[in-house]
Amino acid sequence: LGKIIFPMSKNITVTILTFNFVNIWN
């Protein structure tokens, strides 16, 4: 997970962080 799968999931991680940040911030 830490060395293979999670690095390959960078784009979905950024998507999750971005959309959740907007909701949390507001």
PDB file of all heavy atoms in Angstrom:
ATOM      1  N   LEU A   1       0.829  -1.211   0.000  1.00  0.00           N
ATOM      2  CA  LEU A   1       0.000   0.000   0.000  1.00  0.00           C
ATOM      3  C   LEU A   1       0.858   1.253   0.000  1.00  0.00           C
ATOM      4  O   LEU A   1       0.631   2.173  -0.800  1.00  0.00           O
ATOM      5  CB  LEU A   1      -0.917   0.007   1.231  1.00  0.00           C
ATOM      6  CG  LEU A   1      -1.709   1.302   1.467  1.00  0.00           C
ATOM      7  CD1 LEU A   1      -2.665   1.574   0.309  1.00  0.00           C
ATOM      8  CD2 LEU A   1      -2.484   1.226   2.783  1.00  0.00           C
ATOM      9  N   GLY A   2       1.855   1.302   0.885  1.00  0.00           N
ATOM     10  CA  GLY A   2       2.656   2.516   1.035  1.00  0.00           C
ATOM     11  C   GLY A   2       3.603   2.795  -0.112  1.00  0.00           C
ATOM     12  O   GLY A   2       3.851   3.959  -0.450  1.00  0.00           O
ATOM     13  N   LYS A   3       4.144   1.745  -0.735  1.00  0.00           N
ATOM     14  CA  LYS A   3       5.177   1.916  -1.761  1.00  0.00           C
ATOM     15  C   LYS A   3       4.680   1.748  -3.190  1.00  0.00           C
ATOM     16  O   LYS A   3       5.326   2.218  -4.127  1.00  0.00           O
ATOM     17  CB  LYS A   3       6.319   0.924  -1.497  1.00  0.00           C
ATOM     18  CG  LYS A   3       7.039   1.130  -0.173  1.00  0.00           C
ATOM     19  CD  LYS A   3       7.743   2.480  -0.119  1.00  0.00           C
ATOM     20  CE  LYS A   3       8.532   2.621   1.183  1.00  0.00           C
ATOM     21  NZ  LYS A   3       9.241   3.929   1.248  1.00  0.00           N
ATOM     22  N   ILE A   4       3.532   1.076  -3.361  1.00  0.00           N
ATOM     23  CA  ILE A   4       3.067   0.805  -4.728  1.00  0.00           C
ATOM     24  C   ILE A   4       1.699   1.427  -4.997  1.00  0.00           C
ATOM     25  O   ILE A   4       1.549   2.270  -5.879  1.00  0.00           O
ATOM     26  CB  ILE A   4       3.006  -0.722  -4.986  1.00  0.00           C
ATOM     27  CG1 ILE A   4       4.392  -1.354  -4.786  1.00  0.00           C
ATOM     28  CG2 ILE A   4       2.473  -1.001  -6.393  1.00  0.00           C
ATOM     29  CD1 ILE A   4       4.391  -2.867  -4.886  1.00  0.00           C
ATOM     30  N   ILE A   5       0.691   1.012  -4.231  1.00  0.00           N
ATOM     31  CA  ILE A   5      -0.691   1.402  -4.525  1.00  0.00           C
ATOM     32  C   ILE A   5      -0.959   2.878  -4.220  1.00  0.00           C
ATOM     33  O   ILE A   5      -1.527   3.600  -5.057  1.00  0.00           O
ATOM     34  CB  ILE A   5      -1.682   0.511  -3.749  1.00  0.00           C
ATOM     35  CG1 ILE A   5      -1.445  -0.963  -4.084  1.00  0.00           C
ATOM     36  CG2 ILE A   5      -3.115   0.920  -4.062  1.00  0.00           C
ATOM     37  CD1 ILE A   5      -1.652  -1.290  -5.543  1.00  0.00           C
ATOM     38  N   PHE A   6      -0.548   3.330  -3.037  1.00  0.00           N
ATOM     39  CA  PHE A   6      -0.850   4.711  -2.658  1.00  0.00           C
ATOM     40  C   PHE A   6      -0.167   5.727  -3.582  1.00  0.00           C
ATOM     41  O   PHE A   6      -0.802   6.703  -3.992  1.00  0.00           O
ATOM     42  CB  PHE A   6      -0.460   4.965  -1.200  1.00  0.00           C
ATOM     43  CG  PHE A   6      -0.923   6.302  -0.688  1.00  0.00           C
ATOM     44  CD1 PHE A   6      -2.266   6.539  -0.425  1.00  0.00           C
ATOM     45  CD2 PHE A   6      -0.018   7.330  -0.478  1.00  0.00           C
ATOM     46  CE1 PHE A   6      -2.704   7.776   0.039  1.00  0.00           C
ATOM     47  CE2 PHE A   6      -0.443   8.568  -0.017  1.00  0.00           C
ATOM     48  CZ  PHE A   6      -1.786   8.787   0.245  1.00  0.00           C
ATOM     49  N   PRO A   7       1.120   5.557  -3.928  1.00  0.00           N
ATOM     50  CA  PRO A   7       1.719   6.497  -4.892  1.00  0.00           C
ATOM     51  C   PRO A   7       1.000   6.509  -6.243  1.00  0.00           C
ATOM     52  O   PRO A   7       0.906   7.557  -6.890  1.00  0.00           O
ATOM     53  CB  PRO A   7       3.161   5.977  -5.039  1.00  0.00           C
ATOM     54  CG  PRO A   7       3.437   5.283  -3.749  1.00  0.00           C
ATOM     55  CD  PRO A   7       2.142   4.641  -3.371  1.00  0.00           C
ATOM     56  N   MET A   8       0.481   5.364  -6.678  1.00  0.00           N
ATOM     57  CA  MET A   8      -0.253   5.317  -7.933  1.00  0.00           C
ATOM     58  C   MET A   8      -1.625   5.967  -7.816  1.00  0.00           C
ATOM     59  O   MET A   8      -2.264   6.274  -8.829  1.00  0.00           O
ATOM     60  CB  MET A   8      -0.410   3.862  -8.399  1.00  0.00           C
ATOM     61  CG  MET A   8       0.890   3.175  -8.744  1.00  0.00           C
ATOM     62  SD  MET A   8       0.646   1.473  -9.313  1.00  0.00           S
ATOM     63  CE  MET A   8      -0.212   1.762 -10.858  1.00  0.00           C
ATOM     64  N   SER A   9      -2.069   6.186  -6.582  1.00  0.00           N
ATOM     65  CA  SER A   9      -3.390   6.792  -6.345  1.00  0.00           C
ATOM     66  C   SER A   9      -3.284   8.291  -6.087  1.00  0.00           C
ATOM     67  O   SER A   9      -4.178   8.874  -5.463  1.00  0.00           O
ATOM     68  CB  SER A   9      -4.060   6.098  -5.143  1.00  0.00           C
ATOM     69  OG  SER A   9      -4.111   4.704  -5.318  1.00  0.00           O
ATOM     70  N   LYS A  10      -2.220   8.908  -6.572  1.00  0.00           N
ATOM     71  CA  LYS A  10      -1.993  10.334  -6.295  1.00  0.00           C
ATOM     72  C   LYS A  10      -3.146  11.200  -6.774  1.00  0.00           C
ATOM     73  O   LYS A  10      -3.613  12.104  -6.062  1.00  0.00           O
ATOM     74  CB  LYS A  10      -0.690  10.791  -6.957  1.00  0.00           C
ATOM     75  CG  LYS A  10      -0.367  12.265  -6.704  1.00  0.00           C
ATOM     76  CD  LYS A  10       0.870  12.705  -7.473  1.00  0.00           C
ATOM     77  CE  LYS A  10       0.592  12.750  -8.968  1.00  0.00           C
ATOM     78  NZ  LYS A  10       1.732  13.344  -9.729  1.00  0.00           N
ATOM     79  N   ASN A  11      -3.631  10.958  -7.982  1.00  0.00           N
ATOM     80  CA  ASN A  11      -4.674  11.815  -8.544  1.00  0.00           C
ATOM     81  C   ASN A  11      -5.978  11.748  -7.751  1.00  0.00           C
ATOM     82  O   ASN A  11      -6.610  12.768  -7.506  1.00  0.00           O
ATOM     83  CB  ASN A  11      -4.930  11.453 -10.010  1.00  0.00           C
ATOM     84  CG  ASN A  11      -3.781  11.872 -10.911  1.00  0.00           C
ATOM     85  OD1 ASN A  11      -3.033  12.781 -10.577  1.00  0.00           O
ATOM     86  ND2 ASN A  11      -3.627  11.199 -12.035  1.00  0.00           N
ATOM     87  N   ILE A  12      -6.374  10.541  -7.354  1.00  0.00           N
ATOM     88  CA  ILE A  12      -7.618  10.425  -6.586  1.00  0.00           C
ATOM     89  C   ILE A  12      -7.427  11.002  -5.190  1.00  0.00           C
ATOM     90  O   ILE A  12      -8.368  11.552  -4.597  1.00  0.00           O
ATOM     91  CB  ILE A  12      -8.099   8.949  -6.529  1.00  0.00           C
ATOM     92  CG1 ILE A  12      -9.569   8.880  -6.098  1.00  0.00           C
ATOM     93  CG2 ILE A  12      -7.242   8.131  -5.603  1.00  0.00           C
ATOM     94  CD1 ILE A  12     -10.520   9.509  -7.065  1.00  0.00           C
ATOM     95  N   THR A  13      -6.203  10.911  -4.659  1.00  0.00           N
ATOM     96  CA  THR A  13      -5.931  11.520  -3.359  1.00  0.00           C
ATOM     97  C   THR A  13      -6.060  13.037  -3.432  1.00  0.00           C
ATOM     98  O   THR A  13      -6.669  13.664  -2.556  1.00  0.00           O
ATOM     99  CB  THR A  13      -4.516  11.142  -2.880  1.00  0.00           C
ATOM    100  OG1 THR A  13      -4.418   9.727  -2.740  1.00  0.00           O
ATOM    101  CG2 THR A  13      -4.197  11.797  -1.534  1.00  0.00           C
ATOM    102  N   VAL A  14      -5.500  13.621  -4.480  1.00  0.00           N
ATOM    103  CA  VAL A  14      -5.606  15.070  -4.661  1.00  0.00           C
ATOM    104  C   VAL A  14      -7.064  15.482  -4.833  1.00  0.00           C
ATOM    105  O   VAL A  14      -7.504  16.508  -4.295  1.00  0.00           O
ATOM    106  CB  VAL A  14      -4.766  15.528  -5.868  1.00  0.00           C
ATOM    107  CG1 VAL A  14      -5.040  16.993  -6.192  1.00  0.00           C
ATOM    108  CG2 VAL A  14      -3.286  15.321  -5.590  1.00  0.00           C
ATOM    109  N   THR A  15      -7.835  14.691  -5.575  1.00  0.00           N
ATOM    110  CA  THR A  15      -9.255  14.987  -5.757  1.00  0.00           C
ATOM    111  C   THR A  15      -9.989  14.963  -4.420  1.00  0.00           C
ATOM    112  O   THR A  15     -10.777  15.867  -4.106  1.00  0.00           O
ATOM    113  CB  THR A  15      -9.891  13.961  -6.713  1.00  0.00           C
ATOM    114  OG1 THR A  15      -9.203  13.996  -7.962  1.00  0.00           O
ATOM    115  CG2 THR A  15     -11.356  14.273  -6.942  1.00  0.00           C
ATOM    116  N   ILE A  16      -9.727  13.936  -3.624  1.00  0.00           N
ATOM    117  CA  ILE A  16     -10.362  13.823  -2.308  1.00  0.00           C
ATOM    118  C   ILE A  16      -9.976  14.997  -1.419  1.00  0.00           C
ATOM    119  O   ILE A  16     -10.827  15.608  -0.745  1.00  0.00           O
ATOM    120  CB  ILE A  16      -9.971  12.483  -1.648  1.00  0.00           C
ATOM    121  CG1 ILE A  16     -10.680  11.332  -2.362  1.00  0.00           C
ATOM    122  CG2 ILE A  16     -10.297  12.478  -0.158  1.00  0.00           C
ATOM    123  CD1 ILE A  16     -10.214   9.959  -1.923  1.00  0.00           C
ATOM    124  N   LEU A  17      -8.696  15.341  -1.395  1.00  0.00           N
ATOM    125  CA  LEU A  17      -8.227  16.441  -0.560  1.00  0.00           C
ATOM    126  C   LEU A  17      -8.853  17.766  -0.992  1.00  0.00           C
ATOM    127  O   LEU A  17      -9.285  18.574  -0.151  1.00  0.00           O
ATOM    128  CB  LEU A  17      -6.704  16.545  -0.630  1.00  0.00           C
ATOM    129  CG  LEU A  17      -5.910  15.404   0.007  1.00  0.00           C
ATOM    130  CD1 LEU A  17      -4.416  15.601  -0.235  1.00  0.00           C
ATOM    131  CD2 LEU A  17      -6.191  15.304   1.497  1.00  0.00           C
ATOM    132  N   THR A  18      -8.922  18.002  -2.284  1.00  0.00           N
ATOM    133  CA  THR A  18      -9.423  19.280  -2.788  1.00  0.00           C
ATOM    134  C   THR A  18     -10.899  19.471  -2.479  1.00  0.00           C
ATOM    135  O   THR A  18     -11.301  20.501  -1.921  1.00  0.00           O
ATOM    136  CB  THR A  18      -9.194  19.400  -4.306  1.00  0.00           C
ATOM    137  OG1 THR A  18      -7.801  19.235  -4.586  1.00  0.00           O
ATOM    138  CG2 THR A  18      -9.640  20.745  -4.819  1.00  0.00           C
ATOM    139  N   PHE A  19     -11.715  18.480  -2.832  1.00  0.00           N
ATOM    140  CA  PHE A  19     -13.152  18.629  -2.629  1.00  0.00           C
ATOM    141  C   PHE A  19     -13.517  18.654  -1.153  1.00  0.00           C
ATOM    142  O   PHE A  19     -14.427  19.387  -0.740  1.00  0.00           O
ATOM    143  CB  PHE A  19     -13.904  17.520  -3.354  1.00  0.00           C
ATOM    144  CG  PHE A  19     -14.056  17.769  -4.818  1.00  0.00           C
ATOM    145  CD1 PHE A  19     -13.294  17.080  -5.738  1.00  0.00           C
ATOM    146  CD2 PHE A  19     -14.943  18.720  -5.288  1.00  0.00           C
ATOM    147  CE1 PHE A  19     -13.420  17.320  -7.094  1.00  0.00           C
ATOM    148  CE2 PHE A  19     -15.082  18.975  -6.642  1.00  0.00           C
ATOM    149  CZ  PHE A  19     -14.316  18.271  -7.552  1.00  0.00           C
ATOM    150  N   ASN A  20     -12.837  17.859  -0.347  1.00  0.00           N
ATOM    151  CA  ASN A  20     -13.118  17.888   1.086  1.00  0.00           C
ATOM    152  C   ASN A  20     -12.642  19.185   1.718  1.00  0.00           C
ATOM    153  O   ASN A  20     -13.276  19.694   2.639  1.00  0.00           O
ATOM    154  CB  ASN A  20     -12.469  16.687   1.782  1.00  0.00           C
ATOM    155  CG  ASN A  20     -13.291  15.422   1.645  1.00  0.00           C
ATOM    156  OD1 ASN A  20     -14.303  15.242   2.310  1.00  0.00           O
ATOM    157  ND2 ASN A  20     -12.861  14.546   0.765  1.00  0.00           N
ATOM    158  N   PHE A  21     -11.522  19.726   1.231  1.00  0.00           N
ATOM    159  CA  PHE A  21     -11.027  20.988   1.775  1.00  0.00           C
ATOM    160  C   PHE A  21     -12.051  22.107   1.579  1.00  0.00           C
ATOM    161  O   PHE A  21     -12.287  22.912   2.485  1.00  0.00           O
ATOM    162  CB  PHE A  21      -9.706  21.377   1.124  1.00  0.00           C
ATOM    163  CG  PHE A  21      -9.158  22.690   1.602  1.00  0.00           C
ATOM    164  CD1 PHE A  21      -8.426  22.762   2.788  1.00  0.00           C
ATOM    165  CD2 PHE A  21      -9.374  23.866   0.898  1.00  0.00           C
ATOM    166  CE1 PHE A  21      -7.931  23.966   3.246  1.00  0.00           C
ATOM    167  CE2 PHE A  21      -8.886  25.076   1.342  1.00  0.00           C
ATOM    168  CZ  PHE A  21      -8.161  25.130   2.522  1.00  0.00           C
ATOM    169  N   VAL A  22     -12.654  22.157   0.409  1.00  0.00           N
ATOM    170  CA  VAL A  22     -13.653  23.193   0.137  1.00  0.00           C
ATOM    171  C   VAL A  22     -14.812  23.080   1.118  1.00  0.00           C
ATOM    172  O   VAL A  22     -15.267  24.084   1.690  1.00  0.00           O
ATOM    173  CB  VAL A  22     -14.160  23.086  -1.319  1.00  0.00           C
ATOM    174  CG1 VAL A  22     -15.326  24.044  -1.555  1.00  0.00           C
ATOM    175  CG2 VAL A  22     -13.032  23.382  -2.296  1.00  0.00           C
ATOM    176  N   ASN A  23     -15.300  21.870   1.349  1.00  0.00           N
ATOM    177  CA  ASN A  23     -16.425  21.670   2.270  1.00  0.00           C
ATOM    178  C   ASN A  23     -16.039  21.993   3.710  1.00  0.00           C
ATOM    179  O   ASN A  23     -16.815  22.615   4.444  1.00  0.00           O
ATOM    180  CB  ASN A  23     -16.930  20.225   2.179  1.00  0.00           C
ATOM    181  CG  ASN A  23     -17.547  19.914   0.836  1.00  0.00           C
ATOM    182  OD1 ASN A  23     -18.137  20.787   0.197  1.00  0.00           O
ATOM    183  ND2 ASN A  23     -17.424  18.673   0.381  1.00  0.00           N
ATOM    184  N   ILE A  24     -14.852  21.570   4.108  1.00  0.00           N
ATOM    185  CA  ILE A  24     -14.406  21.824   5.486  1.00  0.00           C
ATOM    186  C   ILE A  24     -14.182  23.309   5.704  1.00  0.00           C
ATOM    187  O   ILE A  24     -14.560  23.861   6.748  1.00  0.00           O
ATOM    188  CB  ILE A  24     -13.104  21.037   5.770  1.00  0.00           C
ATOM    189  CG1 ILE A  24     -13.354  19.538   5.645  1.00  0.00           C
ATOM    190  CG2 ILE A  24     -12.563  21.365   7.157  1.00  0.00           C
ATOM    191  CD1 ILE A  24     -12.078  18.713   5.537  1.00  0.00           C
ATOM    192  N   TRP A  25     -13.580  23.968   4.730  1.00  0.00           N
ATOM    193  CA  TRP A  25     -13.271  25.392   4.862  1.00  0.00           C
ATOM    194  C   TRP A  25     -14.535  26.227   4.998  1.00  0.00           C
ATOM    195  O   TRP A  25     -14.538  27.240   5.700  1.00  0.00           O
ATOM    196  CB  TRP A  25     -12.455  25.849   3.658  1.00  0.00           C
ATOM    197  CG  TRP A  25     -11.811  27.187   3.814  1.00  0.00           C
ATOM    198  CD1 TRP A  25     -12.220  28.360   3.263  1.00  0.00           C
ATOM    199  CD2 TRP A  25     -10.639  27.492   4.576  1.00  0.00           C
ATOM    200  NE1 TRP A  25     -11.386  29.384   3.630  1.00  0.00           N
ATOM    201  CE2 TRP A  25     -10.394  28.877   4.439  1.00  0.00           C
ATOM    202  CE3 TRP A  25      -9.776  26.722   5.365  1.00  0.00           C
ATOM    203  CZ2 TRP A  25      -9.322  29.504   5.058  1.00  0.00           C
ATOM    204  CZ3 TRP A  25      -8.704  27.361   5.976  1.00  0.00           C
ATOM    205  CH2 TRP A  25      -8.488  28.723   5.820  1.00  0.00           C
ATOM    206  N   ASN A  26     -15.604  25.802   4.342  1.00  0.00           N
ATOM    207  CA  ASN A  26     -16.854  26.562   4.370  1.00  0.00           C
ATOM    208  C   ASN A  26     -17.848  26.046   5.403  1.00  0.00           C
ATOM    209  O   ASN A  26     -18.982  26.543   5.463  1.00  0.00           O
ATOM    210  CB  ASN A  26     -17.512  26.526   2.982  1.00  0.00           C
ATOM    211  CG  ASN A  26     -16.669  27.213   1.935  1.00  0.00           C
ATOM    212  OD1 ASN A  26     -16.049  28.237   2.194  1.00  0.00           O
ATOM    213  ND2 ASN A  26     -16.629  26.656   0.732  1.00  0.00           N
TER     214      ASN A  26
END
